[in-house]
N, C-alpha and C. Protein backbone atom coordinates (compact mmCIF):
# COMPACT_ATOMS: atom_id res chain seq x y z
N MET A 1 17.53 -40.81 -18.60
CA MET A 1 18.90 -41.31 -18.33
C MET A 1 19.51 -41.73 -19.48
N GLN A 2 20.69 -41.48 -19.94
CA GLN A 2 21.34 -41.78 -20.92
C GLN A 2 21.77 -43.25 -20.91
N ASP A 3 21.69 -43.91 -22.08
CA ASP A 3 22.18 -45.40 -22.29
C ASP A 3 23.65 -45.29 -22.00
N PRO A 4 24.05 -46.33 -21.12
CA PRO A 4 25.52 -46.41 -20.80
C PRO A 4 26.43 -46.68 -22.11
N SER A 5 25.92 -47.32 -22.98
CA SER A 5 26.93 -47.51 -24.15
C SER A 5 27.13 -46.19 -24.96
N ASP A 6 26.15 -45.27 -24.89
CA ASP A 6 26.26 -44.07 -25.55
C ASP A 6 27.35 -43.20 -24.76
N TRP A 7 27.18 -43.36 -23.45
CA TRP A 7 28.13 -42.47 -22.58
C TRP A 7 29.55 -43.14 -22.85
N ILE A 8 29.67 -44.53 -22.79
CA ILE A 8 30.96 -45.04 -22.72
C ILE A 8 31.57 -44.69 -24.22
N ASN A 9 30.83 -44.82 -25.21
CA ASN A 9 31.49 -44.33 -26.58
C ASN A 9 31.92 -42.99 -26.73
N GLN A 10 31.14 -42.08 -25.99
CA GLN A 10 31.66 -40.65 -26.10
C GLN A 10 32.65 -40.52 -25.18
N PHE A 11 32.75 -41.12 -24.09
CA PHE A 11 33.86 -40.97 -23.12
C PHE A 11 35.31 -41.47 -23.92
N ILE A 12 35.05 -42.61 -24.73
CA ILE A 12 36.21 -43.04 -25.32
C ILE A 12 36.78 -42.17 -26.33
N LYS A 13 35.78 -41.71 -27.08
CA LYS A 13 36.18 -40.72 -28.15
C LYS A 13 36.88 -39.35 -27.58
N ASP A 14 36.28 -38.81 -26.45
CA ASP A 14 36.83 -37.78 -25.93
C ASP A 14 38.04 -38.00 -25.17
N ALA A 15 38.18 -39.13 -24.44
CA ALA A 15 39.57 -39.44 -23.88
C ALA A 15 40.64 -39.63 -24.74
N GLU A 16 40.28 -40.34 -25.83
CA GLU A 16 41.35 -40.63 -26.99
C GLU A 16 41.86 -39.27 -27.52
N ALA A 17 40.88 -38.37 -27.96
CA ALA A 17 41.43 -37.08 -28.39
C ALA A 17 42.13 -36.26 -27.33
N ALA A 18 41.62 -36.36 -26.07
CA ALA A 18 42.36 -35.71 -24.99
C ALA A 18 43.99 -36.35 -24.87
N ALA A 19 43.92 -37.68 -25.01
CA ALA A 19 45.25 -38.24 -24.75
C ALA A 19 46.24 -37.81 -25.82
N GLU A 20 45.66 -37.73 -27.02
CA GLU A 20 46.49 -37.22 -28.23
C GLU A 20 47.04 -35.81 -27.92
N ARG A 21 46.15 -34.88 -27.44
CA ARG A 21 46.57 -33.48 -27.00
C ARG A 21 47.51 -33.41 -25.94
N LEU A 22 47.33 -34.34 -25.08
CA LEU A 22 48.33 -34.31 -23.97
C LEU A 22 49.58 -34.98 -24.18
N SER A 23 49.74 -35.68 -25.31
CA SER A 23 50.95 -36.13 -25.55
C SER A 23 52.07 -35.18 -25.81
N THR A 24 53.37 -35.63 -25.52
CA THR A 24 54.47 -34.71 -25.61
C THR A 24 55.65 -35.49 -26.53
N ASP A 25 56.73 -34.89 -26.73
CA ASP A 25 57.69 -35.61 -27.63
C ASP A 25 58.26 -36.89 -26.84
N ASP A 26 58.10 -36.81 -25.56
CA ASP A 26 58.72 -38.02 -24.92
C ASP A 26 57.69 -38.97 -24.21
N LEU A 27 56.46 -38.59 -24.22
CA LEU A 27 55.45 -39.40 -23.54
C LEU A 27 54.14 -39.20 -24.32
N TYR A 28 53.42 -40.53 -24.45
CA TYR A 28 52.19 -40.69 -25.28
C TYR A 28 51.23 -41.39 -24.38
N PRO A 29 50.49 -40.55 -23.61
CA PRO A 29 49.48 -41.17 -22.62
C PRO A 29 48.34 -42.06 -23.43
N THR A 30 47.98 -43.17 -23.04
CA THR A 30 46.86 -43.88 -23.54
C THR A 30 45.60 -43.43 -23.02
N ILE A 31 44.50 -43.87 -23.63
CA ILE A 31 43.24 -43.84 -23.05
C ILE A 31 43.05 -44.25 -21.68
N HIS A 32 43.76 -45.48 -21.30
CA HIS A 32 43.84 -46.01 -20.02
C HIS A 32 44.51 -45.10 -18.97
N ASP A 33 45.70 -44.44 -19.42
CA ASP A 33 46.34 -43.48 -18.68
C ASP A 33 45.50 -42.19 -18.32
N VAL A 34 44.81 -41.78 -19.36
CA VAL A 34 43.79 -40.50 -19.00
C VAL A 34 42.75 -40.96 -18.05
N GLN A 35 42.33 -42.20 -18.17
CA GLN A 35 41.20 -42.76 -17.35
C GLN A 35 41.73 -42.87 -15.91
N ASN A 36 43.02 -43.32 -15.61
CA ASN A 36 43.42 -43.51 -14.44
C ASN A 36 43.85 -42.08 -13.74
N ALA A 37 44.39 -41.29 -14.63
CA ALA A 37 44.66 -39.90 -14.13
C ALA A 37 43.42 -39.24 -13.60
N LEU A 38 42.32 -39.30 -14.38
CA LEU A 38 41.04 -38.73 -13.91
C LEU A 38 40.75 -39.15 -12.63
N VAL A 39 40.76 -40.49 -12.40
CA VAL A 39 40.36 -41.05 -11.14
C VAL A 39 41.01 -40.50 -10.08
N GLU A 40 42.35 -40.23 -10.30
CA GLU A 40 43.44 -39.60 -9.25
C GLU A 40 43.04 -38.20 -9.01
N VAL A 41 42.87 -37.42 -10.19
CA VAL A 41 42.77 -36.03 -10.07
C VAL A 41 41.36 -35.69 -9.33
N LEU A 42 40.42 -36.41 -9.77
CA LEU A 42 39.02 -36.30 -9.25
C LEU A 42 38.84 -36.94 -7.83
N ALA A 43 39.79 -37.52 -7.31
CA ALA A 43 39.72 -38.42 -6.14
C ALA A 43 38.63 -39.28 -5.99
N LEU A 44 38.52 -39.99 -7.01
CA LEU A 44 37.38 -40.99 -7.10
C LEU A 44 37.95 -42.50 -6.66
N ASP A 45 37.20 -43.40 -6.31
CA ASP A 45 37.52 -44.65 -5.89
C ASP A 45 37.76 -45.57 -6.89
N SER A 46 37.29 -45.44 -8.13
CA SER A 46 37.38 -46.27 -9.38
C SER A 46 37.06 -45.69 -10.59
N SER A 47 37.28 -46.13 -11.65
CA SER A 47 36.94 -45.53 -13.02
C SER A 47 35.52 -45.74 -13.15
N LEU A 48 34.84 -46.69 -12.44
CA LEU A 48 33.36 -46.67 -12.49
C LEU A 48 32.71 -45.35 -12.08
N ASP A 49 33.35 -44.79 -11.14
CA ASP A 49 32.97 -43.54 -10.60
C ASP A 49 32.87 -42.30 -11.74
N LEU A 50 33.59 -42.50 -12.84
CA LEU A 50 33.51 -41.59 -13.98
C LEU A 50 32.21 -41.64 -14.91
N LEU A 51 31.49 -42.70 -14.64
CA LEU A 51 30.27 -42.98 -15.22
C LEU A 51 29.19 -41.70 -15.14
N TYR A 52 28.84 -41.21 -16.14
CA TYR A 52 27.95 -40.20 -16.34
C TYR A 52 28.41 -38.70 -15.93
N ARG A 53 29.85 -38.78 -15.65
CA ARG A 53 30.04 -37.42 -15.47
C ARG A 53 30.41 -36.53 -16.68
N ASP A 54 30.17 -35.40 -16.62
CA ASP A 54 30.33 -34.58 -17.81
C ASP A 54 31.72 -34.11 -18.07
N LEU A 55 32.42 -35.06 -18.93
CA LEU A 55 33.81 -34.80 -19.25
C LEU A 55 34.20 -35.02 -20.67
N PRO A 56 33.84 -33.74 -21.42
CA PRO A 56 34.19 -33.64 -22.68
C PRO A 56 35.67 -33.54 -22.91
N GLU A 57 36.10 -33.60 -24.03
CA GLU A 57 37.57 -33.62 -24.41
C GLU A 57 38.18 -32.32 -23.62
N GLU A 58 37.52 -31.01 -23.99
CA GLU A 58 38.15 -29.98 -23.34
C GLU A 58 38.44 -29.95 -21.84
N LYS A 59 37.37 -30.53 -21.12
CA LYS A 59 37.38 -30.63 -19.67
C LYS A 59 38.49 -31.51 -19.28
N ILE A 60 38.59 -32.70 -20.02
CA ILE A 60 39.71 -33.70 -19.62
C ILE A 60 40.98 -33.16 -19.80
N VAL A 61 41.26 -32.38 -20.88
CA VAL A 61 42.60 -31.71 -21.16
C VAL A 61 42.78 -30.70 -20.05
N GLU A 62 41.85 -29.88 -19.69
CA GLU A 62 41.89 -28.77 -18.57
C GLU A 62 42.25 -29.52 -17.19
N LEU A 63 41.65 -30.67 -16.91
CA LEU A 63 41.85 -31.33 -15.63
C LEU A 63 43.40 -31.93 -15.62
N LEU A 64 43.78 -32.52 -16.77
CA LEU A 64 45.01 -33.16 -16.87
C LEU A 64 46.18 -32.45 -17.52
N SER A 65 46.02 -31.18 -17.81
CA SER A 65 47.15 -30.39 -18.46
C SER A 65 48.39 -30.35 -17.55
N SER A 66 48.32 -30.33 -16.29
CA SER A 66 49.58 -30.32 -15.63
C SER A 66 49.87 -31.77 -14.99
N PHE A 67 49.13 -32.91 -15.43
CA PHE A 67 49.40 -34.13 -14.64
C PHE A 67 50.63 -34.82 -15.10
N ASP A 68 51.35 -35.45 -14.31
CA ASP A 68 52.51 -36.18 -14.43
C ASP A 68 52.30 -37.51 -15.06
N PHE A 69 52.17 -37.83 -16.23
CA PHE A 69 51.88 -39.10 -16.84
C PHE A 69 53.10 -40.02 -16.66
N SER A 70 54.32 -39.38 -16.62
CA SER A 70 55.58 -40.15 -16.48
C SER A 70 55.53 -41.17 -15.37
N LYS A 71 54.79 -40.83 -14.21
CA LYS A 71 54.76 -41.86 -13.22
C LYS A 71 53.89 -43.21 -13.50
N TYR A 72 53.26 -43.21 -14.60
CA TYR A 72 52.69 -44.45 -15.11
C TYR A 72 53.80 -45.29 -15.88
N TYR A 73 55.03 -44.66 -16.13
CA TYR A 73 55.93 -45.31 -16.86
C TYR A 73 57.12 -45.39 -16.19
N PRO A 74 57.30 -45.93 -14.92
CA PRO A 74 58.52 -45.93 -14.24
C PRO A 74 59.60 -46.82 -14.89
N GLU A 75 60.86 -46.41 -14.75
CA GLU A 75 62.11 -47.18 -15.23
C GLU A 75 62.19 -48.49 -14.19
N THR A 76 62.14 -49.52 -14.88
CA THR A 76 62.47 -50.83 -14.27
C THR A 76 63.98 -50.96 -13.84
N LEU A 77 64.13 -51.17 -12.70
CA LEU A 77 65.48 -51.25 -12.03
C LEU A 77 65.96 -52.71 -12.02
N CYS A 78 65.13 -53.66 -11.90
CA CYS A 78 65.36 -54.99 -11.69
C CYS A 78 64.23 -55.81 -11.95
N GLU A 79 64.35 -56.99 -12.48
CA GLU A 79 63.29 -58.11 -12.80
C GLU A 79 63.94 -59.39 -12.35
N VAL A 80 63.05 -60.11 -11.43
CA VAL A 80 63.59 -61.24 -10.79
C VAL A 80 62.56 -62.42 -11.42
N GLU A 81 63.05 -63.56 -11.81
CA GLU A 81 62.05 -64.56 -12.18
C GLU A 81 62.49 -65.69 -11.29
N LEU A 82 61.49 -66.30 -10.78
CA LEU A 82 61.69 -67.36 -9.74
C LEU A 82 61.24 -68.66 -10.19
N GLU A 83 61.73 -69.78 -9.92
CA GLU A 83 61.48 -71.04 -10.46
C GLU A 83 60.14 -71.42 -9.96
N GLU A 84 59.68 -71.27 -8.81
CA GLU A 84 58.29 -71.65 -8.26
C GLU A 84 57.85 -70.32 -7.66
N SER A 85 56.48 -70.42 -7.36
CA SER A 85 55.70 -69.31 -6.95
C SER A 85 55.93 -69.20 -5.47
N ILE A 86 56.16 -67.99 -4.83
CA ILE A 86 56.51 -67.60 -3.60
C ILE A 86 54.99 -67.07 -2.88
N VAL A 87 54.05 -66.92 -3.63
CA VAL A 87 52.81 -66.35 -3.21
C VAL A 87 52.05 -67.34 -2.35
N PRO A 88 51.74 -67.14 -1.11
CA PRO A 88 50.88 -68.23 -0.50
C PRO A 88 49.60 -68.66 -1.19
N GLY A 89 49.34 -69.94 -1.21
CA GLY A 89 48.06 -70.36 -1.93
C GLY A 89 46.77 -69.75 -1.44
N ASP A 90 46.63 -69.15 -0.29
CA ASP A 90 45.43 -68.63 0.31
C ASP A 90 45.13 -67.23 -0.13
N ILE A 91 45.89 -66.70 -1.18
CA ILE A 91 45.88 -65.34 -1.58
C ILE A 91 44.85 -65.42 -2.68
N PRO A 92 43.75 -64.59 -2.60
CA PRO A 92 42.79 -64.61 -3.63
C PRO A 92 43.41 -64.22 -5.10
N VAL A 93 42.78 -64.82 -5.89
CA VAL A 93 43.21 -64.58 -7.34
C VAL A 93 42.48 -63.31 -7.85
N SER A 94 43.25 -62.41 -8.47
CA SER A 94 42.69 -61.01 -9.10
C SER A 94 41.86 -61.51 -10.16
N LEU A 95 40.83 -60.70 -10.34
CA LEU A 95 39.82 -60.94 -11.32
C LEU A 95 40.51 -60.54 -12.85
N THR A 96 41.68 -59.76 -12.63
CA THR A 96 42.19 -59.46 -13.98
C THR A 96 43.38 -60.30 -14.18
N GLU A 97 43.74 -61.60 -13.38
CA GLU A 97 44.70 -62.31 -13.51
C GLU A 97 44.49 -63.36 -14.87
N GLN A 98 45.55 -63.52 -15.49
CA GLN A 98 45.47 -64.42 -16.71
C GLN A 98 46.21 -65.66 -16.34
N THR A 99 45.79 -66.68 -16.99
CA THR A 99 46.33 -68.06 -16.77
C THR A 99 47.86 -68.03 -17.31
N VAL A 100 48.66 -68.27 -16.51
CA VAL A 100 50.18 -68.34 -16.79
C VAL A 100 50.46 -69.74 -16.75
N ARG A 101 50.87 -70.35 -17.76
CA ARG A 101 51.38 -71.72 -17.65
C ARG A 101 52.95 -71.91 -17.41
N ALA A 102 53.28 -71.61 -16.35
CA ALA A 102 54.70 -71.67 -15.79
C ALA A 102 54.77 -71.71 -14.24
N LYS A 103 55.68 -72.43 -13.98
CA LYS A 103 55.84 -72.55 -12.46
C LYS A 103 56.40 -71.30 -11.71
N GLY A 104 57.23 -70.58 -12.38
CA GLY A 104 57.74 -69.44 -11.85
C GLY A 104 56.85 -68.00 -11.86
N GLU A 105 57.53 -67.12 -11.26
CA GLU A 105 56.87 -65.82 -11.20
C GLU A 105 57.69 -64.68 -11.60
N ILE A 106 57.50 -63.61 -12.00
CA ILE A 106 58.34 -62.45 -12.31
C ILE A 106 57.88 -61.29 -11.51
N TRP A 107 58.78 -60.79 -10.54
CA TRP A 107 58.65 -59.71 -9.73
C TRP A 107 59.46 -58.62 -10.30
N ARG A 108 58.95 -57.26 -10.45
CA ARG A 108 59.41 -56.05 -10.82
C ARG A 108 59.84 -54.96 -9.74
N ILE A 109 60.88 -54.53 -9.88
CA ILE A 109 61.14 -53.38 -8.98
C ILE A 109 61.29 -52.06 -10.01
N HIS A 110 60.72 -51.05 -9.72
CA HIS A 110 60.92 -49.80 -10.44
C HIS A 110 61.59 -48.66 -9.86
N LYS A 111 62.22 -48.01 -10.65
CA LYS A 111 62.97 -46.68 -10.27
C LYS A 111 61.92 -45.67 -10.11
N ASN A 112 61.80 -44.90 -9.12
CA ASN A 112 60.90 -43.66 -9.02
C ASN A 112 59.52 -44.07 -9.15
N ASP A 113 59.08 -45.21 -8.64
CA ASP A 113 57.63 -45.65 -8.66
C ASP A 113 56.89 -44.48 -8.20
N ALA A 114 55.75 -44.29 -8.86
CA ALA A 114 54.74 -43.18 -8.50
C ALA A 114 54.25 -43.22 -7.04
N ASP A 115 54.18 -44.29 -6.58
CA ASP A 115 53.65 -44.59 -5.28
C ASP A 115 54.52 -45.51 -4.42
N PRO A 116 55.20 -44.84 -3.42
CA PRO A 116 56.13 -45.68 -2.63
C PRO A 116 55.63 -46.77 -1.71
N PHE A 117 54.38 -46.88 -1.67
CA PHE A 117 53.55 -47.74 -0.77
C PHE A 117 53.76 -49.17 -1.48
N PRO A 118 54.07 -50.20 -0.69
CA PRO A 118 54.27 -50.34 0.80
C PRO A 118 55.50 -50.12 1.26
N SER A 119 56.51 -50.10 0.36
CA SER A 119 57.89 -49.93 0.76
C SER A 119 58.48 -49.05 -0.34
N ASN A 120 59.81 -48.62 -0.02
CA ASN A 120 60.50 -47.92 -1.17
C ASN A 120 61.92 -48.57 -1.27
N PRO A 121 62.12 -49.27 -2.38
CA PRO A 121 61.31 -49.79 -3.46
C PRO A 121 60.45 -51.02 -2.73
N HIS A 122 59.50 -51.38 -3.75
CA HIS A 122 58.65 -52.48 -3.45
C HIS A 122 58.70 -53.33 -4.85
N ALA A 123 58.15 -54.61 -4.81
CA ALA A 123 58.18 -55.35 -5.92
C ALA A 123 56.77 -55.62 -6.48
N HIS A 124 56.57 -55.53 -7.78
CA HIS A 124 55.26 -55.92 -8.43
C HIS A 124 55.24 -57.21 -8.97
N ASN A 125 54.22 -57.92 -8.88
CA ASN A 125 53.85 -59.26 -9.48
C ASN A 125 52.63 -58.92 -10.40
N TYR A 126 52.78 -58.55 -11.59
CA TYR A 126 51.66 -57.88 -12.40
C TYR A 126 50.67 -59.06 -12.66
N PRO A 127 51.06 -60.28 -13.09
CA PRO A 127 49.93 -61.30 -13.31
C PRO A 127 49.06 -61.51 -12.06
N LYS A 128 49.71 -61.47 -11.00
CA LYS A 128 48.73 -61.76 -9.79
C LYS A 128 48.27 -60.53 -9.19
N ASN A 129 48.57 -59.26 -9.80
CA ASN A 129 48.20 -58.15 -9.36
C ASN A 129 48.50 -57.62 -7.90
N LEU A 130 49.92 -58.15 -7.45
CA LEU A 130 50.25 -58.05 -6.04
C LEU A 130 51.34 -57.11 -6.08
N VAL A 131 51.62 -56.41 -4.96
CA VAL A 131 52.54 -55.59 -4.55
C VAL A 131 53.32 -56.12 -3.25
N ALA A 132 54.57 -56.41 -3.26
CA ALA A 132 55.31 -56.94 -2.00
C ALA A 132 56.12 -55.91 -1.21
N HIS A 133 55.98 -55.88 -0.06
CA HIS A 133 56.83 -54.87 0.87
C HIS A 133 58.07 -55.70 0.98
N LEU A 134 59.26 -55.10 0.50
CA LEU A 134 60.59 -55.72 0.51
C LEU A 134 61.32 -55.65 1.78
N GLY A 135 60.60 -55.03 2.84
CA GLY A 135 61.23 -55.09 4.19
C GLY A 135 60.55 -56.26 5.02
N ASN A 136 59.10 -56.35 4.94
CA ASN A 136 58.59 -57.52 5.89
C ASN A 136 57.72 -58.48 5.15
N GLY A 137 57.63 -58.40 3.77
CA GLY A 137 56.91 -59.51 3.06
C GLY A 137 55.62 -59.34 2.91
N ASP A 138 54.98 -58.27 3.39
CA ASP A 138 53.46 -58.18 3.44
C ASP A 138 52.99 -58.05 1.89
N LEU A 139 51.89 -58.73 1.47
CA LEU A 139 51.43 -58.69 0.13
C LEU A 139 50.18 -57.77 0.02
N TYR A 140 50.17 -56.93 -0.75
CA TYR A 140 49.00 -56.12 -1.13
C TYR A 140 48.34 -56.24 -2.37
N ARG A 141 47.09 -55.95 -2.30
CA ARG A 141 46.53 -55.58 -3.78
C ARG A 141 45.61 -54.42 -3.58
N LYS A 142 46.09 -53.27 -4.28
CA LYS A 142 45.62 -51.93 -3.93
C LYS A 142 46.33 -51.63 -2.72
N ARG A 143 45.56 -51.36 -1.74
CA ARG A 143 46.25 -50.89 -0.57
C ARG A 143 45.71 -51.83 0.60
N LYS A 144 44.98 -53.03 0.33
CA LYS A 144 44.51 -53.97 1.24
C LYS A 144 45.62 -55.13 1.19
N ILE A 145 45.98 -55.44 2.60
CA ILE A 145 46.95 -56.42 2.77
C ILE A 145 46.19 -57.73 2.66
N LEU A 146 46.84 -58.65 1.92
CA LEU A 146 46.17 -59.80 1.74
C LEU A 146 46.82 -60.97 2.33
N GLY A 147 48.15 -60.95 2.73
CA GLY A 147 48.87 -62.03 3.34
C GLY A 147 50.44 -61.61 3.57
N LYS A 148 51.22 -62.62 3.62
CA LYS A 148 52.60 -62.35 3.84
C LYS A 148 53.50 -63.49 3.19
N LEU A 149 54.46 -63.13 2.65
CA LEU A 149 55.65 -63.96 2.11
C LEU A 149 56.15 -64.70 3.31
N LYS A 150 56.65 -65.87 3.20
CA LYS A 150 57.24 -66.56 4.16
C LYS A 150 58.80 -65.89 4.31
N LYS A 151 59.30 -66.02 5.45
CA LYS A 151 60.57 -65.12 5.72
C LYS A 151 61.61 -65.78 4.84
N LYS A 152 61.65 -67.15 4.62
CA LYS A 152 62.74 -67.61 3.75
C LYS A 152 62.43 -67.14 2.32
N ASP A 153 61.16 -67.17 1.94
CA ASP A 153 60.99 -66.67 0.43
C ASP A 153 61.23 -65.15 0.24
N LEU A 154 60.97 -64.35 1.27
CA LEU A 154 61.30 -62.85 1.25
C LEU A 154 62.97 -62.69 1.15
N ILE A 155 63.58 -63.54 1.97
CA ILE A 155 65.01 -63.32 2.02
C ILE A 155 65.61 -63.79 0.59
N ASN A 156 65.06 -64.87 0.09
CA ASN A 156 65.50 -65.41 -1.19
C ASN A 156 65.21 -64.30 -2.34
N LEU A 157 64.04 -63.75 -2.26
CA LEU A 157 63.85 -62.78 -3.31
C LEU A 157 64.75 -61.59 -3.15
N ARG A 158 65.00 -61.03 -1.91
CA ARG A 158 65.73 -60.03 -1.75
C ARG A 158 67.28 -60.20 -2.27
N GLU A 159 67.72 -61.55 -2.12
CA GLU A 159 68.95 -61.78 -2.55
C GLU A 159 69.21 -61.76 -4.02
N LEU A 160 68.13 -62.01 -4.84
CA LEU A 160 68.02 -62.04 -6.15
C LEU A 160 68.08 -60.67 -6.70
N ILE A 161 67.75 -59.65 -6.02
CA ILE A 161 67.63 -58.19 -6.27
C ILE A 161 68.94 -57.56 -6.08
N THR A 162 69.46 -57.27 -7.30
CA THR A 162 70.94 -56.72 -7.24
C THR A 162 70.94 -55.16 -7.70
N ASN A 163 71.89 -54.47 -7.14
CA ASN A 163 72.15 -53.01 -7.53
C ASN A 163 70.93 -52.20 -7.04
N VAL A 164 70.12 -52.59 -6.12
CA VAL A 164 69.00 -51.65 -5.62
C VAL A 164 69.30 -51.75 -4.08
N THR A 165 69.00 -50.68 -3.49
CA THR A 165 69.05 -50.39 -2.00
C THR A 165 67.84 -50.74 -1.53
N LEU A 166 67.68 -51.76 -0.71
CA LEU A 166 66.47 -52.43 -0.33
C LEU A 166 66.15 -51.77 1.23
N PRO A 167 64.71 -51.78 1.51
CA PRO A 167 64.43 -51.39 2.80
C PRO A 167 64.96 -52.31 3.86
N LYS A 168 65.08 -51.82 5.09
CA LYS A 168 65.64 -52.66 6.23
C LYS A 168 64.61 -53.99 6.33
N LEU A 169 65.31 -55.12 6.52
CA LEU A 169 64.54 -56.41 6.77
C LEU A 169 63.97 -56.25 8.04
N GLU A 170 62.68 -56.53 8.18
CA GLU A 170 61.85 -56.36 9.27
C GLU A 170 61.36 -57.71 10.01
N VAL A 171 61.76 -58.80 9.39
CA VAL A 171 61.06 -60.11 9.72
C VAL A 171 62.09 -60.83 10.62
């Protein structure tokens, strides 16, 4: 069996070279973009499933030559900053969450988001790794529902979003 650190180092080298080759005048995919694209193209559950796959630079480029990396860089339509958090306290913290020393939250709404789930549009809270359905307030991490915004908080959030057609309010 190959040492995991050897495999990881080789994958990084090959993925960086592939990212450079897949770059265009308008877009410069990162190694993380390449990794996420491979997970999508190969229909894997997570990037850990890439471990020990035979994916040299040439194979990565072949697999991703027609991949639309622009979906990883959606145009931000609106960004809303709240004075206080509207995320219910019982929502579990994401392992990737950073400590933010501020009372408020920032929610982002993107134009042409790659994934219209759970609503089109929807709001991203990146520090908490959450996505909010802007019609009913359901809160998701990946595609797993974790809770729901209070009706009052959802309505207040929607009122702060301007120049964007929102889904029908369902609460």
